Amino acid sequence: MTHVLIVEDDAPTRDGLAEVLELEGFSVSRAENGRVALTQLQAGLRPDVIVLDLVMPVMDGLRFLKTVRATLHGQIPVMVVTAVGDQVDLDNLALDIGCPVFSKTGPIEPLLEALRGVDAPPGG
């Protein structure tokens, strides 16, 4: 089973996404900002993939991404889900930050398809 860490400051969005992912067969952990997510990783959490919001208090998604890539956790795939797609080109953003970017306001199917493509460890 693929384990997803959702890093999202908006509780209804975080919980709603977690519910959908659990219904789709994923196991889910949650963090309300990048600092909480880093603490969880340092404490031993080993997700197969991280779903990351960009705009958050305390530690935003870009700072989290930069920080986590410089650690032993840097190999964990990251998928960004953001509302900034209303103001920027998501394809260019994905190229700039080096990970797939999905719109919060668009359909969830592209994110689900991408998550299904992440290989979970055997027995995981």
PDB file of N, CA and C in Angstrom:
ATOM      1  N   MET A   1       0.841  -1.181   0.000  1.00  0.00           N
ATOM      2  CA  MET A   1       0.000   0.000   0.000  1.00  0.00           C
ATOM      3  C   MET A   1       0.888   1.247   0.000  1.00  0.00           C
ATOM      4  N   THR A   2       0.598   2.169  -0.871  1.00  0.00           N
ATOM      5  CA  THR A   2       1.367   3.408  -0.967  1.00  0.00           C
ATOM      6  C   THR A   2       0.988   4.342   0.167  1.00  0.00           C
ATOM      7  N   HIS A   3       2.018   4.846   0.861  1.00  0.00           N
ATOM      8  CA  HIS A   3       1.802   5.764   1.979  1.00  0.00           C
ATOM      9  C   HIS A   3       2.061   7.197   1.507  1.00  0.00           C
ATOM     10  N   VAL A   4       1.067   8.065   1.698  1.00  0.00           N
ATOM     11  CA  VAL A   4       1.128   9.455   1.257  1.00  0.00           C
ATOM     12  C   VAL A   4       1.165  10.375   2.472  1.00  0.00           C
ATOM     13  N   LEU A   5       2.095  11.322   2.471  1.00  0.00           N
ATOM     14  CA  LEU A   5       2.115  12.392   3.464  1.00  0.00           C
ATOM     15  C   LEU A   5       1.519  13.628   2.809  1.00  0.00           C
ATOM     16  N   ILE A   6       0.410  14.121   3.352  1.00  0.00           N
ATOM     17  CA  ILE A   6      -0.227  15.337   2.852  1.00  0.00           C
ATOM     18  C   ILE A   6       0.252  16.503   3.709  1.00  0.00           C
ATOM     19  N   VAL A   7       0.846  17.504   3.066  1.00  0.00           N
ATOM     20  CA  VAL A   7       1.315  18.703   3.757  1.00  0.00           C
ATOM     21  C   VAL A   7       0.457  19.861   3.244  1.00  0.00           C
ATOM     22  N   GLU A   8      -0.504  20.269   4.058  1.00  0.00           N
ATOM     23  CA  GLU A   8      -1.524  21.253   3.656  1.00  0.00           C
ATOM     24  C   GLU A   8      -2.006  21.984   4.891  1.00  0.00           C
ATOM     25  N   ASP A   9      -2.006  23.319   4.846  1.00  0.00           N
ATOM     26  CA  ASP A   9      -2.399  24.092   6.026  1.00  0.00           C
ATOM     27  C   ASP A   9      -3.902  24.201   6.222  1.00  0.00           C
ATOM     28  N   ASP A  10      -4.680  24.100   5.167  1.00  0.00           N
ATOM     29  CA  ASP A  10      -6.134  24.229   5.288  1.00  0.00           C
ATOM     30  C   ASP A  10      -6.723  22.885   5.719  1.00  0.00           C
ATOM     31  N   ALA A  11      -7.242  22.832   6.946  1.00  0.00           N
ATOM     32  CA  ALA A  11      -7.719  21.557   7.509  1.00  0.00           C
ATOM     33  C   ALA A  11      -8.804  20.893   6.663  1.00  0.00           C
ATOM     34  N   PRO A  12      -9.844  21.613   6.204  1.00  0.00           N
ATOM     35  CA  PRO A  12     -10.856  20.937   5.375  1.00  0.00           C
ATOM     36  C   PRO A  12     -10.272  20.360   4.081  1.00  0.00           C
ATOM     37  N   THR A  13      -9.345  21.078   3.467  1.00  0.00           N
ATOM     38  CA  THR A  13      -8.706  20.574   2.248  1.00  0.00           C
ATOM     39  C   THR A  13      -7.857  19.350   2.570  1.00  0.00           C
ATOM     40  N   ARG A  14      -7.063  19.433   3.627  1.00  0.00           N
ATOM     41  CA  ARG A  14      -6.183  18.324   4.045  1.00  0.00           C
ATOM     42  C   ARG A  14      -7.014  17.080   4.373  1.00  0.00           C
ATOM     43  N   ASP A  15      -8.060  17.272   5.171  1.00  0.00           N
ATOM     44  CA  ASP A  15      -8.878  16.133   5.585  1.00  0.00           C
ATOM     45  C   ASP A  15      -9.683  15.555   4.420  1.00  0.00           C
ATOM     46  N   GLY A  16     -10.185  16.430   3.558  1.00  0.00           N
ATOM     47  CA  GLY A  16     -10.944  15.956   2.399  1.00  0.00           C
ATOM     48  C   GLY A  16     -10.077  15.147   1.452  1.00  0.00           C
ATOM     49  N   LEU A  17      -8.863  15.634   1.197  1.00  0.00           N
ATOM     50  CA  LEU A  17      -7.946  14.900   0.331  1.00  0.00           C
ATOM     51  C   LEU A  17      -7.560  13.571   0.974  1.00  0.00           C
ATOM     52  N   ALA A  18      -7.314  13.591   2.272  1.00  0.00           N
ATOM     53  CA  ALA A  18      -6.968  12.357   2.983  1.00  0.00           C
ATOM     54  C   ALA A  18      -8.094  11.326   2.859  1.00  0.00           C
ATOM     55  N   GLU A  19      -9.323  11.768   3.024  1.00  0.00           N
ATOM     56  CA  GLU A  19     -10.465  10.845   2.914  1.00  0.00           C
ATOM     57  C   GLU A  19     -10.543  10.227   1.524  1.00  0.00           C
ATOM     58  N   VAL A  20     -10.371  11.046   0.488  1.00  0.00           N
ATOM     59  CA  VAL A  20     -10.417  10.531  -0.886  1.00  0.00           C
ATOM     60  C   VAL A  20      -9.294   9.522  -1.103  1.00  0.00           C
ATOM     61  N   LEU A  21      -8.094   9.861  -0.660  1.00  0.00           N
ATOM     62  CA  LEU A  21      -6.964   8.956  -0.861  1.00  0.00           C
ATOM     63  C   LEU A  21      -7.155   7.643  -0.106  1.00  0.00           C
ATOM     64  N   GLU A  22      -7.681   7.717   1.106  1.00  0.00           N
ATOM     65  CA  GLU A  22      -7.931   6.490   1.872  1.00  0.00           C
ATOM     66  C   GLU A  22      -8.980   5.631   1.181  1.00  0.00           C
ATOM     67  N   LEU A  23     -10.015   6.251   0.635  1.00  0.00           N
ATOM     68  CA  LEU A  23     -11.030   5.499  -0.115  1.00  0.00           C
ATOM     69  C   LEU A  23     -10.440   4.850  -1.366  1.00  0.00           C
ATOM     70  N   GLU A  24      -9.390   5.471  -1.913  1.00  0.00           N
ATOM     71  CA  GLU A  24      -8.728   4.935  -3.106  1.00  0.00           C
ATOM     72  C   GLU A  24      -7.662   3.893  -2.765  1.00  0.00           C
ATOM     73  N   GLY A  25      -7.494   3.596  -1.471  1.00  0.00           N
ATOM     74  CA  GLY A  25      -6.586   2.529  -1.077  1.00  0.00           C
ATOM     75  C   GLY A  25      -5.204   2.964  -0.614  1.00  0.00           C
ATOM     76  N   PHE A  26      -5.001   4.254  -0.424  1.00  0.00           N
ATOM     77  CA  PHE A  26      -3.712   4.749   0.076  1.00  0.00           C
ATOM     78  C   PHE A  26      -3.756   4.845   1.594  1.00  0.00           C
ATOM     79  N   SER A  27      -2.599   4.697   2.237  1.00  0.00           N
ATOM     80  CA  SER A  27      -2.511   5.059   3.652  1.00  0.00           C
ATOM     81  C   SER A  27      -2.007   6.503   3.694  1.00  0.00           C
ATOM     82  N   VAL A  28      -2.429   7.254   4.710  1.00  0.00           N
ATOM     83  CA  VAL A  28      -2.202   8.696   4.707  1.00  0.00           C
ATOM     84  C   VAL A  28      -1.710   9.183   6.065  1.00  0.00           C
ATOM     85  N   SER A  29      -0.723  10.068   6.026  1.00  0.00           N
ATOM     86  CA  SER A  29      -0.325  10.867   7.184  1.00  0.00           C
ATOM     87  C   SER A  29      -0.569  12.322   6.808  1.00  0.00           C
ATOM     88  N   ARG A  30      -0.702  13.181   7.821  1.00  0.00           N
ATOM     89  CA  ARG A  30      -1.032  14.578   7.562  1.00  0.00           C
ATOM     90  C   ARG A  30      -0.115  15.504   8.347  1.00  0.00           C
ATOM     91  N   ALA A  31       0.170  16.661   7.739  1.00  0.00           N
ATOM     92  CA  ALA A  31       0.940  17.710   8.409  1.00  0.00           C
ATOM     93  C   ALA A  31       0.365  19.055   7.980  1.00  0.00           C
ATOM     94  N   GLU A  32       0.293  19.994   8.926  1.00  0.00           N
ATOM     95  CA  GLU A  32      -0.338  21.278   8.624  1.00  0.00           C
ATOM     96  C   GLU A  32       0.614  22.324   8.059  1.00  0.00           C
ATOM     97  N   ASN A  33       1.909  22.023   8.009  1.00  0.00           N
ATOM     98  CA  ASN A  33       2.864  22.913   7.346  1.00  0.00           C
ATOM     99  C   ASN A  33       4.181  22.159   7.159  1.00  0.00           C
ATOM    100  N   GLY A  34       5.098  22.805   6.459  1.00  0.00           N
ATOM    101  CA  GLY A  34       6.368  22.160   6.158  1.00  0.00           C
ATOM    102  C   GLY A  34       7.187  21.808   7.382  1.00  0.00           C
ATOM    103  N   ARG A  35       7.159  22.656   8.387  1.00  0.00           N
ATOM    104  CA  ARG A  35       7.942  22.372   9.603  1.00  0.00           C
ATOM    105  C   ARG A  35       7.426  21.111  10.294  1.00  0.00           C
ATOM    106  N   VAL A  36       6.101  20.970  10.410  1.00  0.00           N
ATOM    107  CA  VAL A  36       5.522  19.769  11.022  1.00  0.00           C
ATOM    108  C   VAL A  36       5.897  18.534  10.195  1.00  0.00           C
ATOM    109  N   ALA A  37       5.852  18.654   8.879  1.00  0.00           N
ATOM    110  CA  ALA A  37       6.201  17.528   8.017  1.00  0.00           C
ATOM    111  C   ALA A  37       7.669  17.135   8.202  1.00  0.00           C
ATOM    112  N   LEU A  38       8.559  18.120   8.273  1.00  0.00           N
ATOM    113  CA  LEU A  38       9.976  17.815   8.501  1.00  0.00           C
ATOM    114  C   LEU A  38      10.183  17.119   9.840  1.00  0.00           C
ATOM    115  N   THR A  39       9.480  17.574  10.867  1.00  0.00           N
ATOM    116  CA  THR A  39       9.570  16.939  12.186  1.00  0.00           C
ATOM    117  C   THR A  39       9.128  15.484  12.103  1.00  0.00           C
ATOM    118  N   GLN A  40       8.039  15.227  11.363  1.00  0.00           N
ATOM    119  CA  GLN A  40       7.561  13.854  11.207  1.00  0.00           C
ATOM    120  C   GLN A  40       8.591  12.992  10.491  1.00  0.00           C
ATOM    121  N   LEU A  41       9.210  13.535   9.438  1.00  0.00           N
ATOM    122  CA  LEU A  41      10.239  12.785   8.712  1.00  0.00           C
ATOM    123  C   LEU A  41      11.444  12.510   9.607  1.00  0.00           C
ATOM    124  N   GLN A  42      11.856  13.509  10.382  1.00  0.00           N
ATOM    125  CA  GLN A  42      13.000  13.330  11.288  1.00  0.00           C
ATOM    126  C   GLN A  42      12.694  12.316  12.385  1.00  0.00           C
ATOM    127  N   ALA A  43      11.400  12.177  12.725  1.00  0.00           N
ATOM    128  CA  ALA A  43      10.992  11.234  13.768  1.00  0.00           C
ATOM    129  C   ALA A  43      10.822   9.813  13.224  1.00  0.00           C
ATOM    130  N   GLY A  44      11.019   9.633  11.913  1.00  0.00           N
ATOM    131  CA  GLY A  44      10.971   8.284  11.369  1.00  0.00           C
ATOM    132  C   GLY A  44       9.862   7.998  10.378  1.00  0.00           C
ATOM    133  N   LEU A  45       8.987   8.951  10.105  1.00  0.00           N
ATOM    134  CA  LEU A  45       7.940   8.732   9.104  1.00  0.00           C
ATOM    135  C   LEU A  45       8.596   8.506   7.749  1.00  0.00           C
ATOM    136  N   ARG A  46       8.159   7.478   7.030  1.00  0.00           N
ATOM    137  CA  ARG A  46       8.728   7.154   5.726  1.00  0.00           C
ATOM    138  C   ARG A  46       7.621   7.025   4.677  1.00  0.00           C
ATOM    139  N   PRO A  47       7.089   8.152   4.213  1.00  0.00           N
ATOM    140  CA  PRO A  47       6.064   8.059   3.170  1.00  0.00           C
ATOM    141  C   PRO A  47       6.686   7.653   1.837  1.00  0.00           C
ATOM    142  N   ASP A  48       5.871   7.087   0.965  1.00  0.00           N
ATOM    143  CA  ASP A  48       6.322   6.750  -0.385  1.00  0.00           C
ATOM    144  C   ASP A  48       6.274   7.969  -1.292  1.00  0.00           C
ATOM    145  N   VAL A  49       5.417   8.935  -0.939  1.00  0.00           N
ATOM    146  CA  VAL A  49       5.239  10.142  -1.735  1.00  0.00           C
ATOM    147  C   VAL A  49       4.695  11.246  -0.833  1.00  0.00           C
ATOM    148  N   ILE A  50       5.034  12.494  -1.161  1.00  0.00           N
ATOM    149  CA  ILE A  50       4.545  13.653  -0.412  1.00  0.00           C
ATOM    150  C   ILE A  50       3.674  14.485  -1.337  1.00  0.00           C
ATOM    151  N   VAL A  51       2.466  14.820  -0.884  1.00  0.00           N
ATOM    152  CA  VAL A  51       1.589  15.746  -1.593  1.00  0.00           C
ATOM    153  C   VAL A  51       1.683  17.069  -0.853  1.00  0.00           C
ATOM    154  N   LEU A  52       2.137  18.107  -1.546  1.00  0.00           N
ATOM    155  CA  LEU A  52       2.569  19.343  -0.910  1.00  0.00           C
ATOM    156  C   LEU A  52       1.823  20.563  -1.427  1.00  0.00           C
ATOM    157  N   ASP A  53       1.290  21.355  -0.497  1.00  0.00           N
ATOM    158  CA  ASP A  53       0.757  22.672  -0.821  1.00  0.00           C
ATOM    159  C   ASP A  53       1.936  23.637  -0.873  1.00  0.00           C
ATOM    160  N   LEU A  54       1.806  24.729  -1.611  1.00  0.00           N
ATOM    161  CA  LEU A  54       2.891  25.701  -1.673  1.00  0.00           C
ATOM    162  C   LEU A  54       2.743  26.827  -0.669  1.00  0.00           C
ATOM    163  N   VAL A  55       1.533  27.363  -0.533  1.00  0.00           N
ATOM    164  CA  VAL A  55       1.314  28.546   0.292  1.00  0.00           C
ATOM    165  C   VAL A  55       0.809  28.105   1.665  1.00  0.00           C
ATOM    166  N   MET A  56       1.721  28.180   2.669  1.00  0.00           N
ATOM    167  CA  MET A  56       1.392  27.777   4.036  1.00  0.00           C
ATOM    168  C   MET A  56       2.150  28.676   5.004  1.00  0.00           C
ATOM    169  N   PRO A  57       1.606  28.844   6.208  1.00  0.00           N
ATOM    170  CA  PRO A  57       2.346  29.586   7.238  1.00  0.00           C
ATOM    171  C   PRO A  57       3.457  28.714   7.834  1.00  0.00           C
ATOM    172  N   VAL A  58       4.296  29.304   8.631  1.00  0.00           N
ATOM    173  CA  VAL A  58       5.395  28.672   9.358  1.00  0.00           C
ATOM    174  C   VAL A  58       6.513  28.246   8.405  1.00  0.00           C
ATOM    175  N   MET A  59       6.262  27.269   7.536  1.00  0.00           N
ATOM    176  CA  MET A  59       7.218  26.884   6.497  1.00  0.00           C
ATOM    177  C   MET A  59       6.420  26.561   5.238  1.00  0.00           C
ATOM    178  N   ASP A  60       6.629  27.365   4.199  1.00  0.00           N
ATOM    179  CA  ASP A  60       5.854  27.158   2.972  1.00  0.00           C
ATOM    180  C   ASP A  60       6.388  25.963   2.185  1.00  0.00           C
ATOM    181  N   GLY A  61       5.661  25.610   1.145  1.00  0.00           N
ATOM    182  CA  GLY A  61       6.001  24.427   0.377  1.00  0.00           C
ATOM    183  C   GLY A  61       7.340  24.493  -0.326  1.00  0.00           C
ATOM    184  N   LEU A  62       7.692  25.650  -0.881  1.00  0.00           N
ATOM    185  CA  LEU A  62       8.972  25.758  -1.576  1.00  0.00           C
ATOM    186  C   LEU A  62      10.148  25.624  -0.619  1.00  0.00           C
ATOM    187  N   ARG A  63      10.047  26.230   0.556  1.00  0.00           N
ATOM    188  CA  ARG A  63      11.125  26.094   1.546  1.00  0.00           C
ATOM    189  C   ARG A  63      11.211  24.640   2.024  1.00  0.00           C
ATOM    190  N   PHE A  64      10.052  24.005   2.253  1.00  0.00           N
ATOM    191  CA  PHE A  64      10.039  22.592   2.643  1.00  0.00           C
ATOM    192  C   PHE A  64      10.716  21.751   1.563  1.00  0.00           C
ATOM    193  N   LEU A  65      10.344  21.987   0.315  1.00  0.00           N
ATOM    194  CA  LEU A  65      10.896  21.213  -0.797  1.00  0.00           C
ATOM    195  C   LEU A  65      12.415  21.362  -0.852  1.00  0.00           C
ATOM    196  N   LYS A  66      12.897  22.572  -0.747  1.00  0.00           N
ATOM    197  CA  LYS A  66      14.341  22.818  -0.769  1.00  0.00           C
ATOM    198  C   LYS A  66      15.028  22.127   0.411  1.00  0.00           C
ATOM    199  N   THR A  67      14.426  22.217   1.574  1.00  0.00           N
ATOM    200  CA  THR A  67      15.007  21.624   2.779  1.00  0.00           C
ATOM    201  C   THR A  67      15.016  20.106   2.704  1.00  0.00           C
ATOM    202  N   VAL A  68      13.897  19.510   2.303  1.00  0.00           N
ATOM    203  CA  VAL A  68      13.809  18.047   2.283  1.00  0.00           C
ATOM    204  C   VAL A  68      14.728  17.461   1.209  1.00  0.00           C
ATOM    205  N   ARG A  69      14.911  18.168   0.113  1.00  0.00           N
ATOM    206  CA  ARG A  69      15.795  17.665  -0.949  1.00  0.00           C
ATOM    207  C   ARG A  69      17.254  17.636  -0.505  1.00  0.00           C
ATOM    208  N   ALA A  70      17.589  18.413   0.504  1.00  0.00           N
ATOM    209  CA  ALA A  70      18.966  18.451   1.012  1.00  0.00           C
ATOM    210  C   ALA A  70      19.194  17.440   2.126  1.00  0.00           C
ATOM    211  N   THR A  71      18.199  16.581   2.404  1.00  0.00           N
ATOM    212  CA  THR A  71      18.303  15.600   3.478  1.00  0.00           C
ATOM    213  C   THR A  71      18.293  14.187   2.909  1.00  0.00           C
ATOM    214  N   LEU A  72      18.349  13.221   3.799  1.00  0.00           N
ATOM    215  CA  LEU A  72      18.242  11.813   3.386  1.00  0.00           C
ATOM    216  C   LEU A  72      16.872  11.504   2.796  1.00  0.00           C
ATOM    217  N   HIS A  73      15.902  12.382   3.007  1.00  0.00           N
ATOM    218  CA  HIS A  73      14.545  12.165   2.504  1.00  0.00           C
ATOM    219  C   HIS A  73      14.375  12.736   1.107  1.00  0.00           C
ATOM    220  N   GLY A  74      15.426  13.255   0.533  1.00  0.00           N
ATOM    221  CA  GLY A  74      15.356  13.912  -0.759  1.00  0.00           C
ATOM    222  C   GLY A  74      14.915  13.023  -1.898  1.00  0.00           C
ATOM    223  N   GLN A  75      14.980  11.720  -1.720  1.00  0.00           N
ATOM    224  CA  GLN A  75      14.573  10.795  -2.780  1.00  0.00           C
ATOM    225  C   GLN A  75      13.069  10.545  -2.794  1.00  0.00           C
ATOM    226  N   ILE A  76      12.347  11.011  -1.779  1.00  0.00           N
ATOM    227  CA  ILE A  76      10.895  10.804  -1.734  1.00  0.00           C
ATOM    228  C   ILE A  76      10.246  11.666  -2.816  1.00  0.00           C
ATOM    229  N   PRO A  77       9.447  11.063  -3.702  1.00  0.00           N
ATOM    230  CA  PRO A  77       8.773  11.863  -4.725  1.00  0.00           C
ATOM    231  C   PRO A  77       7.824  12.880  -4.083  1.00  0.00           C
ATOM    232  N   VAL A  78       7.769  14.067  -4.679  1.00  0.00           N
ATOM    233  CA  VAL A  78       6.884  15.131  -4.203  1.00  0.00           C
ATOM    234  C   VAL A  78       5.970  15.533  -5.344  1.00  0.00           C
ATOM    235  N   MET A  79       4.679  15.670  -5.015  1.00  0.00           N
ATOM    236  CA  MET A  79       3.695  16.180  -5.962  1.00  0.00           C
ATOM    237  C   MET A  79       3.045  17.399  -5.327  1.00  0.00           C
ATOM    238  N   VAL A  80       3.092  18.511  -6.035  1.00  0.00           N
ATOM    239  CA  VAL A  80       2.542  19.752  -5.519  1.00  0.00           C
ATOM    240  C   VAL A  80       1.086  19.876  -5.949  1.00  0.00           C
ATOM    241  N   VAL A  81       0.242  20.249  -4.992  1.00  0.00           N
ATOM    242  CA  VAL A  81      -1.165  20.554  -5.269  1.00  0.00           C
ATOM    243  C   VAL A  81      -1.387  21.971  -4.772  1.00  0.00           C
ATOM    244  N   THR A  82      -1.725  22.874  -5.678  1.00  0.00           N
ATOM    245  CA  THR A  82      -1.763  24.282  -5.309  1.00  0.00           C
ATOM    246  C   THR A  82      -2.907  25.031  -5.977  1.00  0.00           C
ATOM    247  N   ALA A  83      -3.299  26.115  -5.348  1.00  0.00           N
ATOM    248  CA  ALA A  83      -4.302  27.009  -5.933  1.00  0.00           C
ATOM    249  C   ALA A  83      -3.632  28.126  -6.723  1.00  0.00           C
ATOM    250  N   VAL A  84      -2.300  28.224  -6.685  1.00  0.00           N
ATOM    251  CA  VAL A  84      -1.643  29.304  -7.414  1.00  0.00           C
ATOM    252  C   VAL A  84      -1.730  29.108  -8.921  1.00  0.00           C
ATOM    253  N   GLY A  85      -2.249  27.978  -9.345  1.00  0.00           N
ATOM    254  CA  GLY A  85      -2.432  27.726 -10.768  1.00  0.00           C
ATOM    255  C   GLY A  85      -3.366  28.721 -11.420  1.00  0.00           C
ATOM    256  N   ASP A  86      -4.151  29.402 -10.607  1.00  0.00           N
ATOM    257  CA  ASP A  86      -5.014  30.438 -11.152  1.00  0.00           C
ATOM    258  C   ASP A  86      -4.186  31.629 -11.627  1.00  0.00           C
ATOM    259  N   GLN A  87      -2.953  31.774 -11.102  1.00  0.00           N
ATOM    260  CA  GLN A  87      -2.112  32.910 -11.457  1.00  0.00           C
ATOM    261  C   GLN A  87      -0.879  32.539 -12.280  1.00  0.00           C
ATOM    262  N   VAL A  88      -0.486  31.267 -12.279  1.00  0.00           N
ATOM    263  CA  VAL A  88       0.743  30.879 -12.980  1.00  0.00           C
ATOM    264  C   VAL A  88       0.498  29.665 -13.863  1.00  0.00           C
ATOM    265  N   ASP A  89       1.407  29.429 -14.781  1.00  0.00           N
ATOM    266  CA  ASP A  89       1.381  28.268 -15.662  1.00  0.00           C
ATOM    267  C   ASP A  89       1.933  27.072 -14.886  1.00  0.00           C
ATOM    268  N   LEU A  90       1.100  26.081 -14.624  1.00  0.00           N
ATOM    269  CA  LEU A  90       1.516  24.935 -13.804  1.00  0.00           C
ATOM    270  C   LEU A  90       2.629  24.124 -14.457  1.00  0.00           C
ATOM    271  N   ASP A  91       2.636  24.026 -15.772  1.00  0.00           N
ATOM    272  CA  ASP A  91       3.699  23.270 -16.447  1.00  0.00           C
ATOM    273  C   ASP A  91       5.053  23.940 -16.242  1.00  0.00           C
ATOM    274  N   ASN A  92       5.092  25.267 -16.360  1.00  0.00           N
ATOM    275  CA  ASN A  92       6.349  25.987 -16.129  1.00  0.00           C
ATOM    276  C   ASN A  92       6.769  25.901 -14.672  1.00  0.00           C
ATOM    277  N   LEU A  93       5.800  25.978 -13.758  1.00  0.00           N
ATOM    278  CA  LEU A  93       6.117  25.838 -12.340  1.00  0.00           C
ATOM    279  C   LEU A  93       6.715  24.467 -12.065  1.00  0.00           C
ATOM    280  N   ALA A  94       6.138  23.440 -12.649  1.00  0.00           N
ATOM    281  CA  ALA A  94       6.649  22.080 -12.463  1.00  0.00           C
ATOM    282  C   ALA A  94       8.097  21.974 -12.945  1.00  0.00           C
ATOM    283  N   LEU A  95       8.404  22.581 -14.074  1.00  0.00           N
ATOM    284  CA  LEU A  95       9.782  22.575 -14.573  1.00  0.00           C
ATOM    285  C   LEU A  95      10.704  23.318 -13.616  1.00  0.00           C
ATOM    286  N   ASP A  96      10.246  24.451 -13.099  1.00  0.00           N
ATOM    287  CA  ASP A  96      11.070  25.265 -12.201  1.00  0.00           C
ATOM    288  C   ASP A  96      11.394  24.542 -10.896  1.00  0.00           C
ATOM    289  N   ILE A  97      10.423  23.821 -10.336  1.00  0.00           N
ATOM    290  CA  ILE A  97      10.647  23.197  -9.029  1.00  0.00           C
ATOM    291  C   ILE A  97      10.981  21.714  -9.116  1.00  0.00           C
ATOM    292  N   GLY A  98      10.879  21.144 -10.302  1.00  0.00           N
ATOM    293  CA  GLY A  98      11.319  19.770 -10.499  1.00  0.00           C
ATOM    294  C   GLY A  98      10.390  18.703  -9.965  1.00  0.00           C
ATOM    295  N   CYS A  99       9.108  18.991  -9.916  1.00  0.00           N
ATOM    296  CA  CYS A  99       8.148  17.957  -9.520  1.00  0.00           C
ATOM    297  C   CYS A  99       6.795  18.268 -10.145  1.00  0.00           C
ATOM    298  N   PRO A 100       5.934  17.265 -10.273  1.00  0.00           N
ATOM    299  CA  PRO A 100       4.628  17.494 -10.878  1.00  0.00           C
ATOM    300  C   PRO A 100       3.791  18.471 -10.045  1.00  0.00           C
ATOM    301  N   VAL A 101       2.996  19.274 -10.740  1.00  0.00           N
ATOM    302  CA  VAL A 101       2.139  20.255 -10.077  1.00  0.00           C
ATOM    303  C   VAL A 101       0.708  20.053 -10.559  1.00  0.00           C
ATOM    304  N   PHE A 102      -0.216  20.004  -9.598  1.00  0.00           N
ATOM    305  CA  PHE A 102      -1.632  19.819  -9.892  1.00  0.00           C
ATOM    306  C   PHE A 102      -2.422  20.968  -9.286  1.00  0.00           C
ATOM    307  N   SER A 103      -3.527  21.306  -9.930  1.00  0.00           N
ATOM    308  CA  SER A 103      -4.371  22.399  -9.454  1.00  0.00           C
ATOM    309  C   SER A 103      -5.364  21.897  -8.415  1.00  0.00           C
ATOM    310  N   LYS A 104      -5.497  22.662  -7.317  1.00  0.00           N
ATOM    311  CA  LYS A 104      -6.515  22.336  -6.311  1.00  0.00           C
ATOM    312  C   LYS A 104      -7.913  22.522  -6.871  1.00  0.00           C
ATOM    313  N   THR A 105      -8.052  23.418  -7.830  1.00  0.00           N
ATOM    314  CA  THR A 105      -9.381  23.738  -8.347  1.00  0.00           C
ATOM    315  C   THR A 105      -9.772  22.862  -9.532  1.00  0.00           C
ATOM    316  N   GLY A 106      -8.852  22.031  -9.998  1.00  0.00           N
ATOM    317  CA  GLY A 106      -9.146  21.143 -11.119  1.00  0.00           C
ATOM    318  C   GLY A 106      -9.615  19.781 -10.630  1.00  0.00           C
ATOM    319  N   PRO A 107      -9.835  18.871 -11.570  1.00  0.00           N
ATOM    320  CA  PRO A 107     -10.260  17.514 -11.193  1.00  0.00           C
ATOM    321  C   PRO A 107      -9.148  16.793 -10.430  1.00  0.00           C
ATOM    322  N   ILE A 108      -9.541  15.865  -9.568  1.00  0.00           N
ATOM    323  CA  ILE A 108      -8.562  15.137  -8.751  1.00  0.00           C
ATOM    324  C   ILE A 108      -7.966  13.937  -9.494  1.00  0.00           C
ATOM    325  N   GLU A 109      -8.595  13.516 -10.585  1.00  0.00           N
ATOM    326  CA  GLU A 109      -8.139  12.314 -11.283  1.00  0.00           C
ATOM    327  C   GLU A 109      -6.673  12.361 -11.709  1.00  0.00           C
ATOM    328  N   PRO A 110      -6.153  13.485 -12.236  1.00  0.00           N
ATOM    329  CA  PRO A 110      -4.727  13.487 -12.602  1.00  0.00           C
ATOM    330  C   PRO A 110      -3.804  13.225 -11.402  1.00  0.00           C
ATOM    331  N   LEU A 111      -4.135  13.768 -10.250  1.00  0.00           N
ATOM    332  CA  LEU A 111      -3.334  13.513  -9.046  1.00  0.00           C
ATOM    333  C   LEU A 111      -3.435  12.042  -8.660  1.00  0.00           C
ATOM    334  N   LEU A 112      -4.639  11.488  -8.654  1.00  0.00           N
ATOM    335  CA  LEU A 112      -4.813  10.075  -8.302  1.00  0.00           C
ATOM    336  C   LEU A 112      -4.025   9.172  -9.246  1.00  0.00           C
ATOM    337  N   GLU A 113      -4.058   9.490 -10.531  1.00  0.00           N
ATOM    338  CA  GLU A 113      -3.330   8.698 -11.509  1.00  0.00           C
ATOM    339  C   GLU A 113      -1.821   8.762 -11.239  1.00  0.00           C
ATOM    340  N   ALA A 114      -1.327   9.945 -10.937  1.00  0.00           N
ATOM    341  CA  ALA A 114       0.099  10.097 -10.631  1.00  0.00           C
ATOM    342  C   ALA A 114       0.466   9.332  -9.363  1.00  0.00           C
ATOM    343  N   LEU A 115      -0.384   9.401  -8.343  1.00  0.00           N
ATOM    344  CA  LEU A 115      -0.111   8.688  -7.095  1.00  0.00           C
ATOM    345  C   LEU A 115      -0.138   7.178  -7.300  1.00  0.00           C
ATOM    346  N   ARG A 116      -1.027   6.704  -8.143  1.00  0.00           N
ATOM    347  CA  ARG A 116      -1.078   5.266  -8.436  1.00  0.00           C
ATOM    348  C   ARG A 116       0.199   4.788  -9.118  1.00  0.00           C
ATOM    349  N   GLY A 117       0.897   5.707  -9.771  1.00  0.00           N
ATOM    350  CA  GLY A 117       2.138   5.366 -10.454  1.00  0.00           C
ATOM    351  C   GLY A 117       3.346   5.294  -9.553  1.00  0.00           C
ATOM    352  N   VAL A 118       3.181   5.683  -8.282  1.00  0.00           N
ATOM    353  CA  VAL A 118       4.295   5.634  -7.324  1.00  0.00           C
ATOM    354  C   VAL A 118       4.408   4.217  -6.782  1.00  0.00           C
ATOM    355  N   ASP A 119       5.600   3.662  -6.845  1.00  0.00           N
ATOM    356  CA  ASP A 119       5.806   2.296  -6.354  1.00  0.00           C
ATOM    357  C   ASP A 119       5.992   2.302  -4.842  1.00  0.00           C
ATOM    358  N   ALA A 120       5.139   1.570  -4.161  1.00  0.00           N
ATOM    359  CA  ALA A 120       5.301   1.362  -2.728  1.00  0.00           C
ATOM    360  C   ALA A 120       6.258   0.186  -2.531  1.00  0.00           C
ATOM    361  N   PRO A 121       6.993   0.193  -1.433  1.00  0.00           N
ATOM    362  CA  PRO A 121       7.885  -0.941  -1.188  1.00  0.00           C
ATOM    363  C   PRO A 121       7.072  -2.219  -0.972  1.00  0.00           C
ATOM    364  N   PRO A 122       7.635  -3.381  -1.316  1.00  0.00           N
ATOM    365  CA  PRO A 122       6.923  -4.631  -1.108  1.00  0.00           C
ATOM    366  C   PRO A 122       6.515  -4.777   0.356  1.00  0.00           C
ATOM    367  N   GLY A 123       5.258  -5.143   0.561  1.00  0.00           N
ATOM    368  CA  GLY A 123       4.735  -5.321   1.905  1.00  0.00           C
ATOM    369  C   GLY A 123       4.474  -4.001   2.615  1.00  0.00           C
ATOM    370  N   GLY A 124       4.629  -2.871   1.905  1.00  0.00           N
ATOM    371  CA  GLY A 124       4.494  -1.563   2.526  1.00  0.00           C
ATOM    372  C   GLY A 124       3.177  -0.985   2.481  1.00  0.00           C
TER     373      GLY A 124
END
